[in-house]
Full PDB file with SEQRES, HELIX, SHEET, SSBOND, CRYST1, ORIGX, SCALE, CONECT and MASTER records, all heavy atoms in Angstrom:
SEQRES   1 A   39  GLY TYR LEU ASP GLU VAL PRO VAL GLU LYS VAL GLY ALA          
SEQRES   2 A   39  PHE GLU SER GLN ALA LEU SER ASP LEU LYS ALA ASN HIS          
SEQRES   3 A   39  GLY ASP LEU LEU ASP THR LEU ARG ARG ASP ARG GLU ILE          
HELIX    1 AA1 VAL A    8  LYS A   10  5                                   3    
HELIX    2 AA2 VAL A   11  ASN A   25  1                                  15    
HELIX    3 AA3 GLY A   27  ASP A   36  1                                  10    
CRYST1    1.000    1.000    1.000  90.00  90.00  90.00 P 1           1          
ORIGX1      1.000000  0.000000  0.000000        0.00000                         
ORIGX2      0.000000  1.000000  0.000000        0.00000                         
ORIGX3      0.000000  0.000000  1.000000        0.00000                         
SCALE1      1.000000  0.000000  0.000000        0.00000                         
SCALE2      0.000000  1.000000  0.000000        0.00000                         
SCALE3      0.000000  0.000000  1.000000        0.00000                         
ATOM      1  N   GLY A   1       0.681 -12.698   0.786  1.00  0.00           N  
ATOM      2  CA  GLY A   1       0.038 -11.425   1.037  1.00  0.00           C  
ATOM      3  C   GLY A   1       0.787 -10.153   0.575  1.00  0.00           C  
ATOM      4  O   GLY A   1       0.350  -9.042   0.758  1.00  0.00           O  
ATOM      5  N   TYR A   2       1.831 -10.348  -0.280  1.00  0.00           N  
ATOM      6  CA  TYR A   2       2.524  -9.231  -0.864  1.00  0.00           C  
ATOM      7  C   TYR A   2       1.726  -8.452  -1.849  1.00  0.00           C  
ATOM      8  O   TYR A   2       2.065  -7.316  -2.176  1.00  0.00           O  
ATOM      9  CB  TYR A   2       3.944  -9.748  -1.386  1.00  0.00           C  
ATOM     10  CG  TYR A   2       4.856 -10.172  -0.405  1.00  0.00           C  
ATOM     11  CD1 TYR A   2       5.126 -11.531  -0.174  1.00  0.00           C  
ATOM     12  CD2 TYR A   2       5.503  -9.216   0.340  1.00  0.00           C  
ATOM     13  CE1 TYR A   2       6.007 -11.934   0.803  1.00  0.00           C  
ATOM     14  CE2 TYR A   2       6.353  -9.619   1.370  1.00  0.00           C  
ATOM     15  CZ  TYR A   2       6.615 -10.983   1.531  1.00  0.00           C  
ATOM     16  OH  TYR A   2       7.535 -11.454   2.501  1.00  0.00           O  
ATOM     17  N   LEU A   3       0.685  -9.077  -2.382  1.00  0.00           N  
ATOM     18  CA  LEU A   3      -0.173  -8.412  -3.367  1.00  0.00           C  
ATOM     19  C   LEU A   3      -1.412  -7.878  -2.768  1.00  0.00           C  
ATOM     20  O   LEU A   3      -2.200  -7.241  -3.558  1.00  0.00           O  
ATOM     21  CB  LEU A   3      -0.525  -9.403  -4.480  1.00  0.00           C  
ATOM     22  CG  LEU A   3       0.634  -9.889  -5.342  1.00  0.00           C  
ATOM     23  CD1 LEU A   3       0.247 -11.060  -6.224  1.00  0.00           C  
ATOM     24  CD2 LEU A   3       1.115  -8.703  -6.225  1.00  0.00           C  
ATOM     25  N   ASP A   4      -1.594  -8.062  -1.573  1.00  0.00           N  
ATOM     26  CA  ASP A   4      -2.966  -7.633  -0.882  1.00  0.00           C  
ATOM     27  C   ASP A   4      -3.202  -6.192  -1.092  1.00  0.00           C  
ATOM     28  O   ASP A   4      -4.416  -5.775  -1.156  1.00  0.00           O  
ATOM     29  CB  ASP A   4      -2.963  -7.993   0.535  1.00  0.00           C  
ATOM     30  CG  ASP A   4      -3.109  -9.561   0.769  1.00  0.00           C  
ATOM     31  OD1 ASP A   4      -3.311 -10.265  -0.256  1.00  0.00           O  
ATOM     32  OD2 ASP A   4      -3.055  -9.964   1.956  1.00  0.00           O  
ATOM     33  N   GLU A   5      -2.275  -5.317  -1.115  1.00  0.00           N  
ATOM     34  CA  GLU A   5      -2.427  -3.859  -1.235  1.00  0.00           C  
ATOM     35  C   GLU A   5      -2.235  -3.440  -2.689  1.00  0.00           C  
ATOM     36  O   GLU A   5      -2.438  -2.248  -2.943  1.00  0.00           O  
ATOM     37  CB  GLU A   5      -1.460  -3.100  -0.308  1.00  0.00           C  
ATOM     38  CG  GLU A   5      -1.558  -3.515   1.111  1.00  0.00           C  
ATOM     39  CD  GLU A   5      -2.946  -3.239   1.729  1.00  0.00           C  
ATOM     40  OE1 GLU A   5      -3.523  -2.133   1.402  1.00  0.00           O  
ATOM     41  OE2 GLU A   5      -3.417  -3.998   2.466  1.00  0.00           O  
ATOM     42  N   VAL A   6      -1.884  -4.302  -3.599  1.00  0.00           N  
ATOM     43  CA  VAL A   6      -1.779  -3.940  -4.988  1.00  0.00           C  
ATOM     44  C   VAL A   6      -3.121  -4.040  -5.714  1.00  0.00           C  
ATOM     45  O   VAL A   6      -3.755  -5.030  -5.607  1.00  0.00           O  
ATOM     46  CB  VAL A   6      -0.720  -4.957  -5.691  1.00  0.00           C  
ATOM     47  CG1 VAL A   6      -0.560  -4.582  -7.124  1.00  0.00           C  
ATOM     48  CG2 VAL A   6       0.599  -4.822  -5.006  1.00  0.00           C  
ATOM     49  N   PRO A   7      -3.501  -2.940  -6.428  1.00  0.00           N  
ATOM     50  CA  PRO A   7      -4.757  -3.063  -7.230  1.00  0.00           C  
ATOM     51  C   PRO A   7      -4.746  -4.201  -8.253  1.00  0.00           C  
ATOM     52  O   PRO A   7      -3.668  -4.479  -8.709  1.00  0.00           O  
ATOM     53  CB  PRO A   7      -4.788  -1.721  -7.912  1.00  0.00           C  
ATOM     54  CG  PRO A   7      -3.945  -0.807  -7.189  1.00  0.00           C  
ATOM     55  CD  PRO A   7      -2.842  -1.708  -6.520  1.00  0.00           C  
ATOM     56  N   VAL A   8      -5.793  -4.847  -8.404  1.00  0.00           N  
ATOM     57  CA  VAL A   8      -5.926  -6.048  -9.233  1.00  0.00           C  
ATOM     58  C   VAL A   8      -5.322  -5.736 -10.702  1.00  0.00           C  
ATOM     59  O   VAL A   8      -4.644  -6.451 -11.264  1.00  0.00           O  
ATOM     60  CB  VAL A   8      -7.364  -6.543  -9.448  1.00  0.00           C  
ATOM     61  CG1 VAL A   8      -7.517  -7.694 -10.356  1.00  0.00           C  
ATOM     62  CG2 VAL A   8      -7.872  -7.048  -8.013  1.00  0.00           C  
ATOM     63  N   GLU A   9      -5.648  -4.509 -11.147  1.00  0.00           N  
ATOM     64  CA  GLU A   9      -5.101  -4.110 -12.502  1.00  0.00           C  
ATOM     65  C   GLU A   9      -3.648  -3.924 -12.566  1.00  0.00           C  
ATOM     66  O   GLU A   9      -3.066  -3.919 -13.633  1.00  0.00           O  
ATOM     67  CB  GLU A   9      -5.825  -2.875 -13.114  1.00  0.00           C  
ATOM     68  CG  GLU A   9      -5.652  -1.699 -12.233  1.00  0.00           C  
ATOM     69  CD  GLU A   9      -6.671  -1.488 -11.075  1.00  0.00           C  
ATOM     70  OE1 GLU A   9      -7.526  -2.339 -10.866  1.00  0.00           O  
ATOM     71  OE2 GLU A   9      -6.528  -0.448 -10.451  1.00  0.00           O  
ATOM     72  N   LYS A  10      -2.932  -3.946 -11.430  1.00  0.00           N  
ATOM     73  CA  LYS A  10      -1.542  -3.775 -11.391  1.00  0.00           C  
ATOM     74  C   LYS A  10      -0.790  -5.031 -11.014  1.00  0.00           C  
ATOM     75  O   LYS A  10       0.500  -5.023 -10.853  1.00  0.00           O  
ATOM     76  CB  LYS A  10      -1.165  -2.647 -10.482  1.00  0.00           C  
ATOM     77  CG  LYS A  10      -1.564  -1.255 -10.988  1.00  0.00           C  
ATOM     78  CD  LYS A  10      -0.961  -0.113 -10.181  1.00  0.00           C  
ATOM     79  CE  LYS A  10      -1.451   1.238 -10.796  1.00  0.00           C  
ATOM     80  NZ  LYS A  10      -0.866   2.331 -10.099  1.00  0.00           N  
ATOM     81  N   VAL A  11      -1.514  -6.116 -10.859  1.00  0.00           N  
ATOM     82  CA  VAL A  11      -0.857  -7.357 -10.478  1.00  0.00           C  
ATOM     83  C   VAL A  11       0.102  -7.838 -11.487  1.00  0.00           C  
ATOM     84  O   VAL A  11       1.212  -8.301 -11.186  1.00  0.00           O  
ATOM     85  CB  VAL A  11      -1.933  -8.412 -10.106  1.00  0.00           C  
ATOM     86  CG1 VAL A  11      -1.360  -9.852 -10.075  1.00  0.00           C  
ATOM     87  CG2 VAL A  11      -2.756  -8.108  -8.840  1.00  0.00           C  
ATOM     88  N   GLY A  12      -0.191  -7.685 -12.777  1.00  0.00           N  
ATOM     89  CA  GLY A  12       0.578  -8.085 -13.881  1.00  0.00           C  
ATOM     90  C   GLY A  12       1.933  -7.281 -13.877  1.00  0.00           C  
ATOM     91  O   GLY A  12       2.972  -7.878 -14.105  1.00  0.00           O  
ATOM     92  N   ALA A  13       1.834  -6.017 -13.634  1.00  0.00           N  
ATOM     93  CA  ALA A  13       3.015  -5.259 -13.584  1.00  0.00           C  
ATOM     94  C   ALA A  13       3.854  -5.523 -12.320  1.00  0.00           C  
ATOM     95  O   ALA A  13       5.147  -5.645 -12.491  1.00  0.00           O  
ATOM     96  CB  ALA A  13       2.600  -3.737 -13.481  1.00  0.00           C  
ATOM     97  N   PHE A  14       3.316  -5.857 -11.274  1.00  0.00           N  
ATOM     98  CA  PHE A  14       3.994  -6.219 -10.054  1.00  0.00           C  
ATOM     99  C   PHE A  14       4.770  -7.526 -10.432  1.00  0.00           C  
ATOM    100  O   PHE A  14       5.938  -7.672 -10.100  1.00  0.00           O  
ATOM    101  CB  PHE A  14       3.040  -6.505  -8.866  1.00  0.00           C  
ATOM    102  CG  PHE A  14       3.657  -6.953  -7.620  1.00  0.00           C  
ATOM    103  CD1 PHE A  14       4.003  -6.021  -6.683  1.00  0.00           C  
ATOM    104  CD2 PHE A  14       3.966  -8.281  -7.423  1.00  0.00           C  
ATOM    105  CE1 PHE A  14       4.636  -6.407  -5.455  1.00  0.00           C  
ATOM    106  CE2 PHE A  14       4.626  -8.684  -6.188  1.00  0.00           C  
ATOM    107  CZ  PHE A  14       4.919  -7.724  -5.200  1.00  0.00           C  
ATOM    108  N   GLU A  15       4.065  -8.463 -10.915  1.00  0.00           N  
ATOM    109  CA  GLU A  15       4.662  -9.836 -11.245  1.00  0.00           C  
ATOM    110  C   GLU A  15       5.844  -9.620 -12.257  1.00  0.00           C  
ATOM    111  O   GLU A  15       6.913 -10.188 -12.047  1.00  0.00           O  
ATOM    112  CB  GLU A  15       3.633 -10.720 -11.828  1.00  0.00           C  
ATOM    113  CG  GLU A  15       4.157 -12.109 -12.156  1.00  0.00           C  
ATOM    114  CD  GLU A  15       3.125 -12.995 -12.828  1.00  0.00           C  
ATOM    115  OE1 GLU A  15       2.079 -12.524 -13.243  1.00  0.00           O  
ATOM    116  OE2 GLU A  15       3.424 -14.157 -12.985  1.00  0.00           O  
ATOM    117  N   SER A  16       5.592  -8.912 -13.320  1.00  0.00           N  
ATOM    118  CA  SER A  16       6.657  -8.703 -14.318  1.00  0.00           C  
ATOM    119  C   SER A  16       7.869  -8.038 -13.837  1.00  0.00           C  
ATOM    120  O   SER A  16       9.031  -8.382 -14.062  1.00  0.00           O  
ATOM    121  CB  SER A  16       6.119  -8.221 -15.668  1.00  0.00           C  
ATOM    122  OG  SER A  16       5.889  -6.825 -15.460  1.00  0.00           O  
ATOM    123  N   GLN A  17       7.668  -7.011 -13.019  1.00  0.00           N  
ATOM    124  CA  GLN A  17       8.769  -6.221 -12.459  1.00  0.00           C  
ATOM    125  C   GLN A  17       9.549  -7.023 -11.407  1.00  0.00           C  
ATOM    126  O   GLN A  17      10.754  -7.089 -11.294  1.00  0.00           O  
ATOM    127  CB  GLN A  17       8.301  -4.915 -11.768  1.00  0.00           C  
ATOM    128  CG  GLN A  17       7.869  -3.872 -12.767  1.00  0.00           C  
ATOM    129  CD  GLN A  17       7.356  -2.596 -12.156  1.00  0.00           C  
ATOM    130  OE1 GLN A  17       7.686  -2.312 -10.960  1.00  0.00           O  
ATOM    131  NE2 GLN A  17       6.614  -1.760 -12.865  1.00  0.00           N  
ATOM    132  N   ALA A  18       8.818  -7.789 -10.569  1.00  0.00           N  
ATOM    133  CA  ALA A  18       9.468  -8.612  -9.625  1.00  0.00           C  
ATOM    134  C   ALA A  18      10.314  -9.727 -10.318  1.00  0.00           C  
ATOM    135  O   ALA A  18      11.504  -9.976  -9.860  1.00  0.00           O  
ATOM    136  CB  ALA A  18       8.394  -9.382  -8.720  1.00  0.00           C  
ATOM    137  N   LEU A  19       9.715 -10.324 -11.380  1.00  0.00           N  
ATOM    138  CA  LEU A  19      10.577 -11.420 -12.054  1.00  0.00           C  
ATOM    139  C   LEU A  19      11.777 -10.863 -12.769  1.00  0.00           C  
ATOM    140  O   LEU A  19      12.851 -11.346 -12.756  1.00  0.00           O  
ATOM    141  CB  LEU A  19       9.565 -12.131 -13.095  1.00  0.00           C  
ATOM    142  CG  LEU A  19       8.604 -13.072 -12.435  1.00  0.00           C  
ATOM    143  CD1 LEU A  19       7.643 -13.617 -13.423  1.00  0.00           C  
ATOM    144  CD2 LEU A  19       9.296 -14.162 -11.629  1.00  0.00           C  
ATOM    145  N   SER A  20      11.606  -9.589 -13.283  1.00  0.00           N  
ATOM    146  CA  SER A  20      12.708  -8.921 -13.913  1.00  0.00           C  
ATOM    147  C   SER A  20      13.827  -8.607 -12.966  1.00  0.00           C  
ATOM    148  O   SER A  20      14.991  -8.800 -13.175  1.00  0.00           O  
ATOM    149  CB  SER A  20      12.235  -7.563 -14.674  1.00  0.00           C  
ATOM    150  OG  SER A  20      11.436  -7.875 -15.767  1.00  0.00           O  
ATOM    151  N   ASP A  21      13.429  -8.146 -11.803  1.00  0.00           N  
ATOM    152  CA  ASP A  21      14.369  -7.806 -10.762  1.00  0.00           C  
ATOM    153  C   ASP A  21      15.026  -9.076 -10.248  1.00  0.00           C  
ATOM    154  O   ASP A  21      16.223  -9.122  -9.965  1.00  0.00           O  
ATOM    155  CB  ASP A  21      13.649  -7.160  -9.555  1.00  0.00           C  
ATOM    156  CG  ASP A  21      14.614  -6.456  -8.527  1.00  0.00           C  
ATOM    157  OD1 ASP A  21      15.812  -6.628  -8.750  1.00  0.00           O  
ATOM    158  OD2 ASP A  21      14.160  -5.923  -7.559  1.00  0.00           O  
ATOM    159  N   LEU A  22      14.355 -10.165 -10.069  1.00  0.00           N  
ATOM    160  CA  LEU A  22      14.876 -11.384  -9.677  1.00  0.00           C  
ATOM    161  C   LEU A  22      15.867 -11.981 -10.687  1.00  0.00           C  
ATOM    162  O   LEU A  22      17.001 -12.419 -10.390  1.00  0.00           O  
ATOM    163  CB  LEU A  22      13.781 -12.461  -9.435  1.00  0.00           C  
ATOM    164  CG  LEU A  22      13.196 -12.374  -8.053  1.00  0.00           C  
ATOM    165  CD1 LEU A  22      11.910 -13.365  -8.033  1.00  0.00           C  
ATOM    166  CD2 LEU A  22      14.097 -12.929  -6.973  1.00  0.00           C  
ATOM    167  N   LYS A  23      15.547 -11.904 -11.917  1.00  0.00           N  
ATOM    168  CA  LYS A  23      16.469 -12.402 -13.044  1.00  0.00           C  
ATOM    169  C   LYS A  23      17.651 -11.548 -13.069  1.00  0.00           C  
ATOM    170  O   LYS A  23      18.804 -12.107 -13.228  1.00  0.00           O  
ATOM    171  CB  LYS A  23      15.729 -12.339 -14.376  1.00  0.00           C  
ATOM    172  CG  LYS A  23      14.637 -13.403 -14.547  1.00  0.00           C  
ATOM    173  CD  LYS A  23      13.902 -13.147 -15.835  1.00  0.00           C  
ATOM    174  CE  LYS A  23      12.678 -14.023 -16.046  1.00  0.00           C  
ATOM    175  NZ  LYS A  23      11.892 -13.748 -17.236  1.00  0.00           N  
ATOM    176  N   ALA A  24      17.539 -10.230 -12.897  1.00  0.00           N  
ATOM    177  CA  ALA A  24      18.722  -9.319 -12.976  1.00  0.00           C  
ATOM    178  C   ALA A  24      19.601  -9.435 -11.793  1.00  0.00           C  
ATOM    179  O   ALA A  24      20.828  -9.359 -11.923  1.00  0.00           O  
ATOM    180  CB  ALA A  24      18.283  -7.994 -13.269  1.00  0.00           C  
ATOM    181  N   ASN A  25      18.968  -9.493 -10.641  1.00  0.00           N  
ATOM    182  CA  ASN A  25      19.821  -9.338  -9.382  1.00  0.00           C  
ATOM    183  C   ASN A  25      19.828 -10.546  -8.454  1.00  0.00           C  
ATOM    184  O   ASN A  25      20.696 -10.578  -7.561  1.00  0.00           O  
ATOM    185  CB  ASN A  25      19.256  -8.102  -8.565  1.00  0.00           C  
ATOM    186  CG  ASN A  25      19.288  -6.826  -9.362  1.00  0.00           C  
ATOM    187  OD1 ASN A  25      20.292  -6.473 -10.003  1.00  0.00           O  
ATOM    188  ND2 ASN A  25      18.143  -6.104  -9.384  1.00  0.00           N  
ATOM    189  N   HIS A  26      18.961 -11.478  -8.723  1.00  0.00           N  
ATOM    190  CA  HIS A  26      18.901 -12.625  -7.848  1.00  0.00           C  
ATOM    191  C   HIS A  26      18.693 -13.925  -8.663  1.00  0.00           C  
ATOM    192  O   HIS A  26      17.910 -14.797  -8.184  1.00  0.00           O  
ATOM    193  CB  HIS A  26      17.732 -12.495  -6.729  1.00  0.00           C  
ATOM    194  CG  HIS A  26      17.896 -11.308  -5.932  1.00  0.00           C  
ATOM    195  ND1 HIS A  26      18.692 -11.079  -4.931  1.00  0.00           N  
ATOM    196  CD2 HIS A  26      17.135 -10.006  -6.098  1.00  0.00           C  
ATOM    197  CE1 HIS A  26      18.548  -9.848  -4.375  1.00  0.00           C  
ATOM    198  NE2 HIS A  26      17.663  -9.230  -5.148  1.00  0.00           N  
ATOM    199  N   GLY A  27      19.440 -14.033  -9.741  1.00  0.00           N  
ATOM    200  CA  GLY A  27      19.232 -15.137 -10.624  1.00  0.00           C  
ATOM    201  C   GLY A  27      19.542 -16.494  -9.885  1.00  0.00           C  
ATOM    202  O   GLY A  27      18.978 -17.545 -10.194  1.00  0.00           O  
ATOM    203  N   ASP A  28      20.437 -16.448  -8.918  1.00  0.00           N  
ATOM    204  CA  ASP A  28      20.738 -17.646  -8.201  1.00  0.00           C  
ATOM    205  C   ASP A  28      19.522 -18.097  -7.388  1.00  0.00           C  
ATOM    206  O   ASP A  28      19.410 -19.379  -7.229  1.00  0.00           O  
ATOM    207  CB  ASP A  28      21.852 -17.393  -7.158  1.00  0.00           C  
ATOM    208  CG  ASP A  28      21.607 -16.221  -6.227  1.00  0.00           C  
ATOM    209  OD1 ASP A  28      20.945 -15.219  -6.711  1.00  0.00           O  
ATOM    210  OD2 ASP A  28      21.971 -16.305  -5.019  1.00  0.00           O  
ATOM    211  N   LEU A  29      18.676 -17.331  -6.963  1.00  0.00           N  
ATOM    212  CA  LEU A  29      17.435 -17.730  -6.263  1.00  0.00           C  
ATOM    213  C   LEU A  29      16.528 -18.514  -7.247  1.00  0.00           C  
ATOM    214  O   LEU A  29      16.052 -19.611  -6.824  1.00  0.00           O  
ATOM    215  CB  LEU A  29      16.710 -16.498  -5.680  1.00  0.00           C  
ATOM    216  CG  LEU A  29      15.591 -16.713  -4.766  1.00  0.00           C  
ATOM    217  CD1 LEU A  29      16.034 -17.644  -3.532  1.00  0.00           C  
ATOM    218  CD2 LEU A  29      15.125 -15.414  -4.228  1.00  0.00           C  
ATOM    219  N   LEU A  30      16.351 -18.058  -8.433  1.00  0.00           N  
ATOM    220  CA  LEU A  30      15.518 -18.753  -9.451  1.00  0.00           C  
ATOM    221  C   LEU A  30      16.182 -20.138  -9.806  1.00  0.00           C  
ATOM    222  O   LEU A  30      15.568 -21.180  -9.915  1.00  0.00           O  
ATOM    223  CB  LEU A  30      15.352 -17.960 -10.702  1.00  0.00           C  
ATOM    224  CG  LEU A  30      14.478 -16.769 -10.561  1.00  0.00           C  
ATOM    225  CD1 LEU A  30      14.473 -15.924 -11.804  1.00  0.00           C  
ATOM    226  CD2 LEU A  30      13.093 -17.199 -10.196  1.00  0.00           C  
ATOM    227  N   ASP A  31      17.661 -20.133  -9.892  1.00  0.00           N  
ATOM    228  CA  ASP A  31      18.311 -21.356 -10.192  1.00  0.00           C  
ATOM    229  C   ASP A  31      18.114 -22.410  -9.087  1.00  0.00           C  
ATOM    230  O   ASP A  31      17.934 -23.589  -9.326  1.00  0.00           O  
ATOM    231  CB  ASP A  31      19.749 -21.025 -10.346  1.00  0.00           C  
ATOM    232  CG  ASP A  31      20.112 -20.257 -11.600  1.00  0.00           C  
ATOM    233  OD1 ASP A  31      19.274 -20.274 -12.522  1.00  0.00           O  
ATOM    234  OD2 ASP A  31      21.175 -19.569 -11.705  1.00  0.00           O  
ATOM    235  N   THR A  32      18.134 -21.835  -7.844  1.00  0.00           N  
ATOM    236  CA  THR A  32      18.003 -22.862  -6.695  1.00  0.00           C  
ATOM    237  C   THR A  32      16.584 -23.396  -6.703  1.00  0.00           C  
ATOM    238  O   THR A  32      16.411 -24.619  -6.507  1.00  0.00           O  
ATOM    239  CB  THR A  32      18.221 -22.021  -5.389  1.00  0.00           C  
ATOM    240  OG1 THR A  32      19.519 -21.463  -5.313  1.00  0.00           O  
ATOM    241  CG2 THR A  32      17.948 -22.935  -4.128  1.00  0.00           C  
ATOM    242  N   LEU A  33      15.591 -22.640  -7.043  1.00  0.00           N  
ATOM    243  CA  LEU A  33      14.197 -23.122  -7.135  1.00  0.00           C  
ATOM    244  C   LEU A  33      14.084 -24.197  -8.273  1.00  0.00           C  
ATOM    245  O   LEU A  33      13.465 -25.254  -8.077  1.00  0.00           O  
ATOM    246  CB  LEU A  33      13.205 -22.037  -7.282  1.00  0.00           C  
ATOM    247  CG  LEU A  33      12.941 -21.193  -6.157  1.00  0.00           C  
ATOM    248  CD1 LEU A  33      12.059 -19.921  -6.559  1.00  0.00           C  
ATOM    249  CD2 LEU A  33      12.120 -21.957  -5.007  1.00  0.00           C  
ATOM    250  N   ARG A  34      14.684 -23.866  -9.375  1.00  0.00           N  
ATOM    251  CA  ARG A  34      14.645 -24.830 -10.480  1.00  0.00           C  
ATOM    252  C   ARG A  34      15.382 -26.126 -10.129  1.00  0.00           C  
ATOM    253  O   ARG A  34      14.848 -27.184 -10.459  1.00  0.00           O  
ATOM    254  CB  ARG A  34      15.391 -24.214 -11.643  1.00  0.00           C  
ATOM    255  CG  ARG A  34      15.272 -24.973 -13.006  1.00  0.00           C  
ATOM    256  CD  ARG A  34      15.961 -24.327 -14.183  1.00  0.00           C  
ATOM    257  NE  ARG A  34      15.677 -22.889 -14.290  1.00  0.00           N  
ATOM    258  CZ  ARG A  34      16.474 -21.956 -14.114  1.00  0.00           C  
ATOM    259  NH1 ARG A  34      17.795 -22.212 -13.764  1.00  0.00           N  
ATOM    260  NH2 ARG A  34      16.134 -20.689 -14.280  1.00  0.00           N  
ATOM    261  N   ARG A  35      16.511 -25.997  -9.488  1.00  0.00           N  
ATOM    262  CA  ARG A  35      17.317 -27.222  -9.174  1.00  0.00           C  
ATOM    263  C   ARG A  35      16.683 -27.999  -7.974  1.00  0.00           C  
ATOM    264  O   ARG A  35      16.579 -29.199  -8.099  1.00  0.00           O  
ATOM    265  CB  ARG A  35      18.676 -26.796  -8.737  1.00  0.00           C  
ATOM    266  CG  ARG A  35      19.680 -27.867  -8.478  1.00  0.00           C  
ATOM    267  CD  ARG A  35      21.043 -27.491  -7.943  1.00  0.00           C  
ATOM    268  NE  ARG A  35      20.962 -26.668  -6.796  1.00  0.00           N  
ATOM    269  CZ  ARG A  35      21.215 -25.364  -6.694  1.00  0.00           C  
ATOM    270  NH1 ARG A  35      21.599 -24.710  -7.741  1.00  0.00           N  
ATOM    271  NH2 ARG A  35      21.061 -24.718  -5.479  1.00  0.00           N  
ATOM    272  N   ASP A  36      16.241 -27.338  -6.936  1.00  0.00           N  
ATOM    273  CA  ASP A  36      15.739 -28.068  -5.746  1.00  0.00           C  
ATOM    274  C   ASP A  36      14.287 -28.596  -5.957  1.00  0.00           C  
ATOM    275  O   ASP A  36      13.943 -29.514  -5.262  1.00  0.00           O  
ATOM    276  CB  ASP A  36      15.784 -27.198  -4.575  1.00  0.00           C  
ATOM    277  CG  ASP A  36      17.187 -26.896  -4.154  1.00  0.00           C  
ATOM    278  OD1 ASP A  36      18.128 -27.552  -4.641  1.00  0.00           O  
ATOM    279  OD2 ASP A  36      17.387 -25.946  -3.279  1.00  0.00           O  
ATOM    280  N   ARG A  37      13.565 -27.924  -6.793  1.00  0.00           N  
ATOM    281  CA  ARG A  37      12.048 -28.261  -6.968  1.00  0.00           C  
ATOM    282  C   ARG A  37      11.314 -28.241  -5.759  1.00  0.00           C  
ATOM    283  O   ARG A  37      10.281 -28.874  -5.595  1.00  0.00           O  
ATOM    284  CB  ARG A  37      11.992 -29.611  -7.632  1.00  0.00           C  
ATOM    285  CG  ARG A  37      12.573 -29.661  -8.996  1.00  0.00           C  
ATOM    286  CD  ARG A  37      12.502 -31.061  -9.597  1.00  0.00           C  
ATOM    287  NE  ARG A  37      12.975 -31.009 -11.008  1.00  0.00           N  
ATOM    288  CZ  ARG A  37      12.209 -31.278 -11.986  1.00  0.00           C  
ATOM    289  NH1 ARG A  37      10.949 -31.600 -11.860  1.00  0.00           N  
ATOM    290  NH2 ARG A  37      12.779 -31.208 -13.295  1.00  0.00           N  
ATOM    291  N   GLU A  38      11.708 -27.339  -4.776  1.00  0.00           N  
ATOM    292  CA  GLU A  38      10.966 -27.122  -3.559  1.00  0.00           C  
ATOM    293  C   GLU A  38      11.497 -25.863  -2.865  1.00  0.00           C  
ATOM    294  O   GLU A  38      12.496 -25.410  -3.195  1.00  0.00           O  
ATOM    295  CB  GLU A  38      11.084 -28.284  -2.629  1.00  0.00           C  
ATOM    296  CG  GLU A  38      12.482 -28.494  -2.038  1.00  0.00           C  
ATOM    297  CD  GLU A  38      12.535 -29.583  -0.961  1.00  0.00           C  
ATOM    298  OE1 GLU A  38      11.759 -29.581  -0.089  1.00  0.00           O  
ATOM    299  OE2 GLU A  38      13.423 -30.423  -1.133  1.00  0.00           O  
ATOM    300  N   ILE A  39      10.689 -25.304  -1.992  1.00  0.00           N  
ATOM    301  CA  ILE A  39      11.217 -24.096  -1.314  1.00  0.00           C  
ATOM    302  C   ILE A  39      11.645 -24.617   0.083  1.00  0.00           C  
ATOM    303  O   ILE A  39      10.969 -24.843   0.977  1.00  0.00           O  
ATOM    304  CB  ILE A  39      10.003 -23.037  -1.132  1.00  0.00           C  
ATOM    305  CG1 ILE A  39       9.451 -22.651  -2.484  1.00  0.00           C  
ATOM    306  CG2 ILE A  39      10.451 -21.876  -0.237  1.00  0.00           C  
ATOM    307  CD1 ILE A  39       8.280 -21.768  -2.327  1.00  0.00           C  
TER     308      ILE A  39                                                      
MASTER        0    0    0    3    0    0    0    6  307    1    0    3          
END                                                                             
């Protein structure tokens, strides 16, 4: 539901900014998902 209030035309921007932020500041979280293959 994090996108429920985001206009459809801004979903791509939300996604790319979130992924950029994750890569820059929370890369360990992405590494954990890649390694564990589950949440």
